[in-house]
Every structure is written in structure tokens, then in C-alpha cells.
């Protein structure tokens, strides 16, 4: 018996499933939850719709996201381990729900975003963290 083929990421409902599933995993992860909930005190009711708009813009070309995502990450106490875990959870989430070219593109874009953020954030002066 074969299982049904998994869908690719194509709709707003797919974006919501991706974002909701990913942040469910983040909230259960000891390392990342400490940053999102313990340090940043993320208001999830406000943050999730922003993430829907962000990923909809990136993946579906809707242009709904108008923010500047990097600036919001500057004060966060994160390092390489956080980015590695973020990517691990993100890739696991994509792979758990989707298959296809858009799913692979989604992982490539996440890797690019995380790599850029990690590089820029780790270039901060140690004195700026005091």
C-alpha cells in the first residue's frame, strides 16, 4: 500500500500550515523557546500573522510583508547553535508536510536567510552585547 503523495507549497493554507507547525516545534524546543518566549516574549497572536505575510511574500510573491526582519533580530542573544537548530526544525517541518520544487526552494530560502542573519549578527562587537 502506498501513501498519498505529499503536496507542494502552493496556497495560503500551505503557508499557514508551515508557519504554525514550525512555531509549534520552536515553542517545544528548549534552546529556541528560551529566546522566543523567555527573552523576546513574543506575542504569538501578533507574530504568526506577520510570519504568514512574510512567507507568503517570499514563496507566493504576494508582497504582503512590508517589514524589516533583520532589525528585530539584532537584540537577540543568539549564536550558531540557535541558527542550526532553527534550520533543523524548519527543514523537518517542511519535509513533514510538503514535497516538490517549492518545498525545496523554501528550504533553500530559509538557509539563505538564516546564513545572512547569522553572519550579520555574529559580526557584532562583543562590547555591544554588554
N, C-alpha and C. Protein backbone atom coordinates (compact mmCIF):
# COMPACT_ATOMS: atom_id res chain seq x y z
N UNK A 1 0.85 -1.17 0.00
CA UNK A 1 0.00 0.00 0.00
C UNK A 1 0.89 1.24 0.00
N UNK A 2 0.66 2.14 -0.93
CA UNK A 2 1.46 3.35 -1.00
C UNK A 2 0.71 4.49 -0.33
N UNK A 3 1.48 5.39 0.25
CA UNK A 3 0.85 6.55 0.88
C UNK A 3 0.60 7.62 -0.18
N UNK A 4 -0.38 8.47 0.05
CA UNK A 4 -0.66 9.52 -0.94
C UNK A 4 0.54 10.46 -1.04
N UNK A 5 0.73 10.98 -2.22
CA UNK A 5 1.83 11.92 -2.44
C UNK A 5 1.60 13.17 -1.59
N UNK A 6 2.70 13.71 -1.09
CA UNK A 6 2.60 14.93 -0.29
C UNK A 6 2.50 16.12 -1.23
N UNK A 7 1.73 17.13 -0.85
CA UNK A 7 1.58 18.30 -1.71
C UNK A 7 2.83 19.19 -1.65
N UNK A 8 2.95 20.03 -2.64
CA UNK A 8 3.98 21.06 -2.61
C UNK A 8 3.36 22.29 -1.92
N UNK A 9 4.16 23.29 -1.66
CA UNK A 9 3.67 24.53 -1.05
C UNK A 9 3.12 25.41 -2.17
N UNK A 10 1.80 25.61 -2.16
CA UNK A 10 1.17 26.33 -3.27
C UNK A 10 0.13 27.35 -2.84
N UNK A 11 -0.39 27.24 -1.63
CA UNK A 11 -1.52 28.08 -1.24
C UNK A 11 -1.26 28.78 0.10
N UNK A 12 -2.12 29.72 0.42
CA UNK A 12 -2.06 30.39 1.71
C UNK A 12 -2.27 29.39 2.85
N UNK A 13 -3.12 28.41 2.63
CA UNK A 13 -3.33 27.37 3.65
C UNK A 13 -2.03 26.59 3.89
N UNK A 14 -1.27 26.36 2.84
CA UNK A 14 0.02 25.70 2.99
C UNK A 14 0.99 26.55 3.81
N UNK A 15 0.99 27.84 3.55
CA UNK A 15 1.85 28.76 4.31
C UNK A 15 1.48 28.72 5.78
N UNK A 16 0.19 28.77 6.07
CA UNK A 16 -0.26 28.72 7.47
C UNK A 16 0.15 27.41 8.14
N UNK A 17 0.00 26.30 7.45
CA UNK A 17 0.40 25.01 7.99
C UNK A 17 1.89 25.00 8.28
N UNK A 18 2.69 25.49 7.36
CA UNK A 18 4.13 25.55 7.54
C UNK A 18 4.49 26.40 8.76
N UNK A 19 3.98 27.61 8.81
CA UNK A 19 4.31 28.53 9.89
C UNK A 19 3.81 28.01 11.23
N UNK A 20 2.57 27.59 11.29
CA UNK A 20 2.01 27.10 12.56
C UNK A 20 2.76 25.87 13.06
N UNK A 21 3.04 24.94 12.16
CA UNK A 21 3.75 23.72 12.56
C UNK A 21 5.17 24.03 13.01
N UNK A 22 5.83 24.92 12.29
CA UNK A 22 7.20 25.27 12.65
C UNK A 22 7.25 25.94 14.03
N UNK A 23 6.40 26.92 14.25
CA UNK A 23 6.45 27.61 15.54
C UNK A 23 5.94 26.74 16.69
N UNK A 24 5.09 25.76 16.41
CA UNK A 24 4.76 24.77 17.44
C UNK A 24 6.03 24.03 17.86
N UNK A 25 6.84 23.66 16.89
CA UNK A 25 8.11 22.98 17.20
C UNK A 25 9.07 23.91 17.94
N UNK A 26 9.14 25.16 17.54
CA UNK A 26 10.00 26.14 18.22
C UNK A 26 9.60 26.27 19.68
N UNK A 27 8.30 26.35 19.92
CA UNK A 27 7.82 26.52 21.29
C UNK A 27 8.07 25.30 22.17
N UNK A 28 8.29 24.15 21.56
CA UNK A 28 8.60 22.94 22.32
C UNK A 28 10.10 22.69 22.44
N UNK A 29 10.89 23.51 21.75
CA UNK A 29 12.34 23.32 21.74
C UNK A 29 12.99 24.14 22.85
N UNK A 30 13.76 23.47 23.69
CA UNK A 30 14.36 24.13 24.85
C UNK A 30 15.25 25.30 24.46
N UNK A 31 16.09 25.13 23.46
CA UNK A 31 17.03 26.18 23.06
C UNK A 31 16.30 27.38 22.45
N UNK A 32 15.42 27.14 21.51
CA UNK A 32 14.77 28.24 20.82
C UNK A 32 13.64 28.87 21.62
N UNK A 33 12.92 28.08 22.37
CA UNK A 33 11.85 28.64 23.19
C UNK A 33 12.39 29.64 24.20
N UNK A 34 13.59 29.39 24.70
CA UNK A 34 14.19 30.33 25.66
C UNK A 34 14.40 31.70 25.03
N UNK A 35 14.71 31.74 23.74
CA UNK A 35 14.90 33.03 23.06
C UNK A 35 13.55 33.65 22.73
N UNK A 36 12.68 32.89 22.09
CA UNK A 36 11.40 33.43 21.64
C UNK A 36 10.49 33.82 22.80
N UNK A 37 10.42 32.96 23.80
CA UNK A 37 9.48 33.18 24.90
C UNK A 37 10.14 33.77 26.14
N UNK A 38 11.32 33.30 26.46
CA UNK A 38 12.00 33.77 27.66
C UNK A 38 12.63 35.13 27.51
N UNK A 39 13.30 35.38 26.38
CA UNK A 39 13.98 36.65 26.17
C UNK A 39 13.11 37.65 25.43
N UNK A 40 12.59 37.27 24.26
CA UNK A 40 11.84 38.20 23.40
C UNK A 40 10.38 38.35 23.81
N UNK A 41 9.86 37.40 24.58
CA UNK A 41 8.45 37.44 24.99
C UNK A 41 7.53 37.69 23.79
N UNK A 42 7.69 36.86 22.76
CA UNK A 42 6.93 37.01 21.53
C UNK A 42 5.43 36.93 21.81
N UNK A 43 4.70 37.88 21.25
CA UNK A 43 3.24 37.87 21.28
C UNK A 43 2.81 37.06 20.05
N UNK A 44 2.53 35.78 20.27
CA UNK A 44 2.28 34.87 19.16
C UNK A 44 1.05 35.27 18.34
N UNK A 45 0.04 35.84 18.97
CA UNK A 45 -1.16 36.26 18.24
C UNK A 45 -0.82 37.35 17.22
N UNK A 46 0.18 38.13 17.49
CA UNK A 46 0.62 39.17 16.54
C UNK A 46 1.71 38.66 15.61
N UNK A 47 2.59 37.81 16.13
CA UNK A 47 3.75 37.37 15.36
C UNK A 47 3.37 36.41 14.22
N UNK A 48 2.48 35.47 14.49
CA UNK A 48 2.15 34.48 13.47
C UNK A 48 1.57 35.11 12.19
N UNK A 49 0.63 36.05 12.27
CA UNK A 49 0.16 36.68 11.03
C UNK A 49 1.27 37.41 10.27
N UNK A 50 2.23 37.96 10.97
CA UNK A 50 3.37 38.60 10.31
C UNK A 50 4.18 37.55 9.56
N UNK A 51 4.35 36.39 10.18
CA UNK A 51 5.09 35.31 9.53
C UNK A 51 4.33 34.74 8.34
N UNK A 52 2.99 34.69 8.43
CA UNK A 52 2.20 34.27 7.26
C UNK A 52 2.47 35.23 6.10
N UNK A 53 2.44 36.53 6.39
CA UNK A 53 2.68 37.53 5.35
C UNK A 53 4.11 37.43 4.80
N UNK A 54 5.09 37.22 5.69
CA UNK A 54 6.47 37.12 5.25
C UNK A 54 6.65 35.95 4.28
N UNK A 55 6.24 34.76 4.72
CA UNK A 55 6.45 33.58 3.88
C UNK A 55 5.56 33.59 2.65
N UNK A 56 4.39 34.18 2.72
CA UNK A 56 3.54 34.34 1.55
C UNK A 56 4.23 35.24 0.52
N UNK A 57 4.84 36.29 1.00
CA UNK A 57 5.57 37.19 0.10
C UNK A 57 6.76 36.49 -0.54
N UNK A 58 7.53 35.77 0.28
CA UNK A 58 8.73 35.09 -0.20
C UNK A 58 8.37 33.95 -1.17
N UNK A 59 7.37 33.15 -0.81
CA UNK A 59 7.11 31.92 -1.57
C UNK A 59 6.03 32.05 -2.63
N UNK A 60 5.06 32.92 -2.39
CA UNK A 60 3.95 33.05 -3.34
C UNK A 60 3.95 34.38 -4.07
N UNK A 61 4.89 35.26 -3.71
CA UNK A 61 5.01 36.55 -4.40
C UNK A 61 3.89 37.52 -4.11
N UNK A 62 3.25 37.41 -2.94
CA UNK A 62 2.10 38.27 -2.65
C UNK A 62 2.48 39.70 -2.26
N UNK A 63 3.70 39.93 -1.86
CA UNK A 63 4.17 41.27 -1.45
C UNK A 63 3.41 41.84 -0.27
N UNK A 64 2.83 40.98 0.56
CA UNK A 64 2.09 41.47 1.73
C UNK A 64 3.02 41.92 2.85
N UNK A 65 4.19 41.32 2.97
CA UNK A 65 5.09 41.66 4.06
C UNK A 65 5.80 42.96 3.74
N UNK A 66 5.75 43.89 4.69
CA UNK A 66 6.36 45.21 4.48
C UNK A 66 7.41 45.54 5.53
N UNK A 67 7.76 44.59 6.36
CA UNK A 67 8.66 44.87 7.48
C UNK A 67 10.13 44.82 7.11
N UNK A 68 10.94 44.99 8.15
CA UNK A 68 12.38 44.89 8.05
C UNK A 68 12.81 43.83 9.05
N UNK A 69 12.88 42.57 8.64
CA UNK A 69 13.05 41.49 9.60
C UNK A 69 14.37 41.49 10.34
N UNK A 70 15.44 41.92 9.71
CA UNK A 70 16.74 41.82 10.38
C UNK A 70 16.79 42.68 11.63
N UNK A 71 16.31 43.89 11.57
CA UNK A 71 16.40 44.82 12.70
C UNK A 71 15.79 44.25 13.97
N UNK A 72 14.73 43.49 13.84
CA UNK A 72 14.06 42.92 15.01
C UNK A 72 14.91 41.83 15.68
N UNK A 73 15.88 41.29 14.97
CA UNK A 73 16.70 40.21 15.49
C UNK A 73 17.99 40.70 16.16
N UNK A 74 18.33 41.95 15.97
CA UNK A 74 19.60 42.47 16.48
C UNK A 74 19.76 42.28 17.99
N UNK A 75 18.74 42.55 18.80
CA UNK A 75 18.95 42.42 20.25
C UNK A 75 18.95 40.98 20.79
N UNK A 76 18.66 40.01 19.95
CA UNK A 76 18.51 38.64 20.43
C UNK A 76 19.85 38.01 20.78
N UNK A 77 19.91 37.29 21.90
CA UNK A 77 21.13 36.59 22.30
C UNK A 77 21.23 35.24 21.60
N UNK A 78 21.63 35.27 20.33
CA UNK A 78 21.68 34.04 19.55
C UNK A 78 23.07 33.84 18.95
N UNK A 79 23.39 32.57 18.73
CA UNK A 79 24.65 32.20 18.12
C UNK A 79 24.44 31.08 17.12
N UNK A 80 25.53 30.48 16.70
CA UNK A 80 25.48 29.44 15.67
C UNK A 80 24.54 28.29 16.04
N UNK A 81 24.55 27.88 17.30
CA UNK A 81 23.70 26.76 17.71
C UNK A 81 22.22 27.07 17.51
N UNK A 82 21.83 28.32 17.74
CA UNK A 82 20.43 28.72 17.55
C UNK A 82 20.04 28.64 16.08
N UNK A 83 20.93 29.12 15.21
CA UNK A 83 20.63 29.09 13.78
C UNK A 83 20.59 27.66 13.26
N UNK A 84 21.49 26.83 13.73
CA UNK A 84 21.49 25.42 13.31
C UNK A 84 20.20 24.73 13.74
N UNK A 85 19.77 24.99 14.96
CA UNK A 85 18.54 24.37 15.46
C UNK A 85 17.33 24.91 14.71
N UNK A 86 17.30 26.23 14.45
CA UNK A 86 16.20 26.85 13.70
C UNK A 86 16.08 26.17 12.34
N UNK A 87 17.20 26.03 11.65
CA UNK A 87 17.17 25.39 10.34
C UNK A 87 16.75 23.93 10.43
N UNK A 88 17.26 23.22 11.43
CA UNK A 88 16.88 21.81 11.59
C UNK A 88 15.37 21.68 11.75
N UNK A 89 14.78 22.48 12.63
CA UNK A 89 13.34 22.42 12.85
C UNK A 89 12.56 22.85 11.61
N UNK A 90 13.07 23.88 10.93
CA UNK A 90 12.39 24.38 9.74
C UNK A 90 12.38 23.32 8.65
N UNK A 91 13.54 22.72 8.39
CA UNK A 91 13.64 21.68 7.37
C UNK A 91 12.76 20.48 7.73
N UNK A 92 12.78 20.08 9.00
CA UNK A 92 11.94 18.96 9.44
C UNK A 92 10.46 19.27 9.21
N UNK A 93 10.08 20.51 9.48
CA UNK A 93 8.68 20.91 9.29
C UNK A 93 8.30 20.86 7.82
N UNK A 94 9.14 21.42 6.96
CA UNK A 94 8.86 21.37 5.52
C UNK A 94 8.73 19.91 5.07
N UNK A 95 9.72 19.09 5.45
CA UNK A 95 9.73 17.69 5.00
C UNK A 95 8.57 16.87 5.55
N UNK A 96 8.05 17.26 6.70
CA UNK A 96 6.93 16.53 7.30
C UNK A 96 5.61 16.78 6.57
N UNK A 97 5.53 17.90 5.85
CA UNK A 97 4.25 18.29 5.26
C UNK A 97 4.25 18.43 3.74
N UNK A 98 5.43 18.64 3.15
CA UNK A 98 5.46 19.01 1.73
C UNK A 98 6.56 18.29 0.97
N UNK A 99 6.34 18.13 -0.32
CA UNK A 99 7.34 17.60 -1.24
C UNK A 99 7.18 18.36 -2.56
N UNK A 100 8.29 18.65 -3.19
CA UNK A 100 8.22 19.27 -4.51
C UNK A 100 9.18 20.42 -4.65
N UNK A 101 9.19 21.03 -5.82
CA UNK A 101 10.14 22.12 -6.09
C UNK A 101 9.98 23.31 -5.16
N UNK A 102 8.76 23.69 -4.84
CA UNK A 102 8.55 24.85 -3.96
C UNK A 102 9.01 24.52 -2.54
N UNK A 103 8.80 23.29 -2.11
CA UNK A 103 9.28 22.88 -0.78
C UNK A 103 10.80 22.96 -0.73
N UNK A 104 11.47 22.50 -1.78
CA UNK A 104 12.93 22.58 -1.82
C UNK A 104 13.40 24.02 -1.88
N UNK A 105 12.69 24.85 -2.65
CA UNK A 105 13.01 26.28 -2.72
C UNK A 105 12.82 26.94 -1.35
N UNK A 106 11.80 26.52 -0.64
CA UNK A 106 11.54 27.06 0.69
C UNK A 106 12.71 26.79 1.62
N UNK A 107 13.23 25.58 1.58
CA UNK A 107 14.38 25.24 2.43
C UNK A 107 15.62 26.02 2.00
N UNK A 108 15.81 26.19 0.70
CA UNK A 108 16.96 26.96 0.22
C UNK A 108 16.86 28.42 0.65
N UNK A 109 15.67 28.97 0.59
CA UNK A 109 15.48 30.37 1.01
C UNK A 109 15.69 30.51 2.52
N UNK A 110 15.20 29.56 3.28
CA UNK A 110 15.40 29.59 4.74
C UNK A 110 16.89 29.52 5.07
N UNK A 111 17.61 28.66 4.37
CA UNK A 111 19.06 28.56 4.59
C UNK A 111 19.74 29.87 4.26
N UNK A 112 19.36 30.49 3.18
CA UNK A 112 19.95 31.77 2.78
C UNK A 112 19.66 32.86 3.82
N UNK A 113 18.43 32.94 4.26
CA UNK A 113 18.04 33.94 5.26
C UNK A 113 18.79 33.71 6.57
N UNK A 114 18.79 32.47 7.04
CA UNK A 114 19.46 32.15 8.30
C UNK A 114 20.96 32.42 8.20
N UNK A 115 21.56 32.07 7.08
CA UNK A 115 23.01 32.29 6.91
C UNK A 115 23.34 33.78 6.94
N UNK A 116 22.54 34.58 6.26
CA UNK A 116 22.76 36.02 6.25
C UNK A 116 22.57 36.61 7.64
N UNK A 117 21.49 36.23 8.32
CA UNK A 117 21.24 36.74 9.66
C UNK A 117 22.36 36.33 10.60
N UNK A 118 22.75 35.06 10.55
CA UNK A 118 23.81 34.59 11.44
C UNK A 118 25.11 35.35 11.19
N UNK A 119 25.46 35.53 9.94
CA UNK A 119 26.69 36.26 9.62
C UNK A 119 26.63 37.69 10.15
N UNK A 120 25.53 38.37 9.88
CA UNK A 120 25.41 39.77 10.32
C UNK A 120 25.36 39.89 11.84
N UNK A 121 24.68 38.97 12.50
CA UNK A 121 24.55 39.05 13.95
C UNK A 121 25.84 38.66 14.67
N UNK A 122 26.60 37.75 14.09
CA UNK A 122 27.84 37.35 14.75
C UNK A 122 28.97 38.32 14.47
N UNK A 123 28.75 39.29 13.61
CA UNK A 123 29.75 40.33 13.36
C UNK A 123 29.65 41.46 14.37
N UNK A 124 28.69 41.37 15.29
CA UNK A 124 28.54 42.38 16.32
C UNK A 124 29.76 42.37 17.23
N UNK A 125 30.11 43.52 17.69
CA UNK A 125 31.21 43.64 18.64
C UNK A 125 30.80 43.02 19.96
N UNK A 126 31.70 42.26 20.62
CA UNK A 126 31.37 41.70 21.94
C UNK A 126 30.96 42.79 22.93
N UNK A 127 31.50 43.99 22.80
CA UNK A 127 31.14 45.07 23.70
C UNK A 127 29.70 45.51 23.50
N UNK A 128 29.18 45.33 22.29
CA UNK A 128 27.79 45.74 22.04
C UNK A 128 26.80 44.82 22.71
N UNK A 129 27.28 43.67 23.19
CA UNK A 129 26.38 42.72 23.85
C UNK A 129 26.30 42.97 25.35
N UNK A 130 27.14 43.87 25.88
CA UNK A 130 27.10 44.14 27.32
C UNK A 130 25.96 45.03 27.70
